[in-house]
Amino acid sequence: MSPDDRTLRVGSVPYLVGRPLDRGLGDEPGIQLEHDVPARLVERLRGGELDAALVSSIELFRRPGYRFLDGIGVAGDGYVGSVQVFLRRSIQEARSIALDPASRAAAALTRSLLAEREGGAPAFVEVPLGEDPAAREDTDGWLRIGDRALRETLTIDAPAWNPSEEWRRVTGLPFVFAAWIVRQDVEIEPYLDAFAAARARGRDAIGELSARAARAWSLPEAQCLSYLSEECSYDPGPAMAPALREFQRRAARADLCDPQALPEPIPVPLAPTTEER
């Protein structure tokens, strides 16, 4: 099958964090690219509306038969400003946390880490999609993801606990927030070069994306550049599969996924950037 034989339906997140992976992907032959929040992308992937999607990594362990593009994804190797738990009391004393409904990986990461907290885990409050977890004033904190978390880090007067930073501290591994997950029986191989080319364009465009985000959000350009080029890792490479296995192990221990799921990695030959060509 060639890309001209059919249309590959691909979904990606609407956040800045996804642009270094999907830049120009919708212009590639045979690919139809749409953007939606992570939770909806998962629903559409499960329902067969999408063939592949950049979605929360926890989904890999919740349905049989998935594959994923190995070596590229949205990862953090320490502090990541787009995933924050803002607190009304310390993380050690928090009795309840409202979860941002837009991301399942960030919620599973938070839950799996705090499941091992001394004294036991807090209660986790599931907030319906479209509602603001910060509005749950009866909780001691709220998980916020995406561009809004980046803005609130600078604009609200509340301490924050960073799950990605904590993950790195306790495991020594990067955390893979999102992966290109491929639905069962979808032949993705003819399109791998397109995903590689999109990633290469994304690397070339980091400065441009940072400047655009700074203008749109009235944030310092240096913060946006640091976020995209230092906090986020888009090429976890050989560390990706071990990091995902550790996430599965911890999430399963917290009853958040299937410990027996065995998603298959698909190697992606990365295209060179403009500087490398």
Foldseek 3Di string as FASTA:
>chain_A
DALQVAAAEEEEEPFLLTQLQCPCLCVDRRYHYDYDQQVVVLVCCVVVVHFKYWHFLQSLFADAAKAFAPQFAKWFLAFAQQKKKWFQDDLLPWQEEEEQQRHPNSVLLVLLVQCPRVVGHHHYHYDDHPDDRVVPPVGGIYIGGGPVSNLCVPVPPTDIDGSQNVCCVVPVAMAGGTTTMGHHPDDCVNCLVSSLVSNLVSVVCLLVSLVVSCVVSVHDSVSSSCNNPPRIDGGSDPRVVVNSLVSLVSSVVSVNGHNPHDHHYDYGDHDHHPVVD
